[in-house]
């Protein structure tokens, strides 16, 4: 308020009052925006959480199927899990149950891994 030195008392009081009114209005507006956006933000967070949960469940299913078929510790198969997860479960489940290790690596991995 150092800028108010050359202004009379009534004008100073008016400026202080208007400044306070502005700050109050801005605080109220921020609160209103937060309240209006809260349901949208919550819905987006729920959607993101659902997608993450579905992705984790898909990865767990793929890993379990690979482990049952080919045993633990197969690094080459572990490296193609994300590629397998990129297709629908209707497509990847039969492939995981029917294709050989070599066929899976040829389909979802690099040619070097398949050899």
Protein backbone atom coordinates (compact mmCIF):
# COMPACT_ATOMS: atom_id res chain seq x y z
CA UNK A 1 0.00 0.00 0.00
CA UNK A 2 3.05 2.28 -0.30
CA UNK A 3 1.61 3.55 -3.58
CA UNK A 4 -1.24 5.17 -1.65
CA UNK A 5 0.95 7.90 -0.07
CA UNK A 6 -0.26 10.79 -2.27
CA UNK A 7 -3.95 9.81 -2.14
CA UNK A 8 -6.46 11.24 0.33
CA UNK A 9 -7.89 9.13 3.14
CA UNK A 10 -11.31 8.54 1.54
CA UNK A 11 -9.73 7.29 -1.69
CA UNK A 12 -7.35 5.08 0.31
CA UNK A 13 -10.27 3.54 2.19
CA UNK A 14 -12.12 3.01 -1.08
CA UNK A 15 -9.08 1.33 -2.66
CA UNK A 16 -8.61 -0.91 0.39
CA UNK A 17 -12.31 -1.80 0.38
CA UNK A 18 -12.33 -2.52 -3.36
CA UNK A 19 -9.15 -4.58 -3.06
CA UNK A 20 -10.70 -6.65 -0.28
CA UNK A 21 -13.91 -7.07 -2.27
CA UNK A 22 -11.85 -8.21 -5.29
CA UNK A 23 -9.88 -10.71 -3.20
CA UNK A 24 -13.09 -12.04 -1.63
CA UNK A 25 -14.76 -12.36 -5.05
CA UNK A 26 -11.73 -14.19 -6.44
CA UNK A 27 -11.66 -16.58 -3.46
CA UNK A 28 -15.37 -17.26 -3.92
CA UNK A 29 -14.87 -17.83 -7.66
CA UNK A 30 -11.99 -20.27 -7.00
CA UNK A 31 -14.18 -22.14 -4.52
CA UNK A 32 -17.08 -22.28 -6.98
CA UNK A 33 -14.83 -23.56 -9.77
CA UNK A 34 -13.41 -26.24 -7.46
CA UNK A 35 -16.89 -27.36 -6.45
CA UNK A 36 -18.06 -27.49 -10.06
CA UNK A 37 -14.98 -29.36 -11.26
CA UNK A 38 -14.78 -31.80 -8.33
CA UNK A 39 -17.32 -34.31 -9.78
CA UNK A 40 -15.61 -34.19 -13.18
CA UNK A 41 -12.17 -34.67 -11.64
CA UNK A 42 -13.46 -37.54 -9.49
CA UNK A 43 -15.02 -39.20 -12.55
CA UNK A 44 -11.76 -38.86 -14.47
CA UNK A 45 -9.78 -40.30 -11.57
CA UNK A 46 -12.21 -43.19 -11.29
CA UNK A 47 -11.91 -43.85 -15.03
CA UNK A 48 -8.11 -43.76 -14.84
CA UNK A 49 -8.13 -46.07 -11.81
CA UNK A 50 -10.42 -48.50 -13.62
CA UNK A 51 -8.18 -48.50 -16.68
CA UNK A 52 -5.08 -49.08 -14.57
CA UNK A 53 -6.82 -51.93 -12.71
CA UNK A 54 -7.93 -53.54 -15.97
CA UNK A 55 -4.41 -53.25 -17.40
CA UNK A 56 -2.91 -54.82 -14.28
CA UNK A 57 -5.45 -57.66 -14.38
CA UNK A 58 -4.68 -58.28 -18.06
CA UNK A 59 -0.92 -58.36 -17.42
CA UNK A 60 -1.43 -60.70 -14.46
CA UNK A 61 -3.58 -63.04 -16.60
CA UNK A 62 -0.99 -63.12 -19.37
CA UNK A 63 1.86 -63.74 -16.93
CA UNK A 64 -0.09 -66.52 -15.21
CA UNK A 65 -0.91 -68.25 -18.50
CA UNK A 66 2.71 -68.02 -19.66
CA UNK A 67 3.95 -69.32 -16.33
CA UNK A 68 1.55 -72.29 -16.36
CA UNK A 69 2.50 -73.19 -19.93
CA UNK A 70 6.22 -72.47 -19.97
CA UNK A 71 7.38 -72.14 -16.36
CA UNK A 72 8.90 -69.22 -14.50
CA UNK A 73 11.90 -67.18 -15.45
CA UNK A 74 11.53 -67.04 -19.23
CA UNK A 75 12.93 -63.59 -19.94
CA UNK A 76 12.11 -63.60 -23.65
CA UNK A 77 8.44 -64.31 -22.91
CA UNK A 78 8.38 -61.72 -20.12
CA UNK A 79 9.55 -59.10 -22.61
CA UNK A 80 6.54 -59.64 -24.91
CA UNK A 81 3.83 -59.44 -22.24
CA UNK A 82 3.03 -55.78 -23.04
CA UNK A 83 2.75 -56.56 -26.75
CA UNK A 84 0.42 -59.45 -26.01
CA UNK A 85 -1.67 -57.18 -23.76
CA UNK A 86 -2.12 -54.73 -26.64
CA UNK A 87 -4.55 -57.11 -28.35
CA UNK A 88 -7.96 -58.10 -27.02
CA UNK A 89 -8.25 -60.94 -24.54
CA UNK A 90 -10.52 -62.73 -27.01
CA UNK A 91 -7.51 -62.85 -29.33
CA UNK A 92 -4.60 -63.40 -26.93
CA UNK A 93 -6.08 -66.09 -24.65
CA UNK A 94 -6.44 -68.70 -27.44
CA UNK A 95 -2.98 -67.78 -28.73
CA UNK A 96 -1.41 -68.24 -25.29
CA UNK A 97 -3.12 -71.59 -24.91
CA UNK A 98 -2.36 -72.93 -28.39
CA UNK A 99 0.88 -71.45 -29.74
CA UNK A 100 4.29 -72.78 -28.84
CA UNK A 101 6.91 -70.61 -27.16
CA UNK A 102 8.66 -70.17 -30.49
CA UNK A 103 5.40 -69.20 -32.23
CA UNK A 104 4.54 -66.66 -29.52
CA UNK A 105 7.99 -65.09 -29.77
CA UNK A 106 7.72 -65.00 -33.56
CA UNK A 107 4.32 -63.33 -33.37
CA UNK A 108 4.93 -60.84 -30.55
CA UNK A 109 8.71 -60.60 -30.19
CA UNK A 110 11.70 -59.92 -32.34
CA UNK A 111 13.04 -62.51 -34.77
CA UNK A 112 16.17 -62.88 -32.64
CA UNK A 113 14.05 -63.97 -29.66
CA UNK A 114 12.20 -66.58 -31.70
CA UNK A 115 15.40 -68.34 -32.72
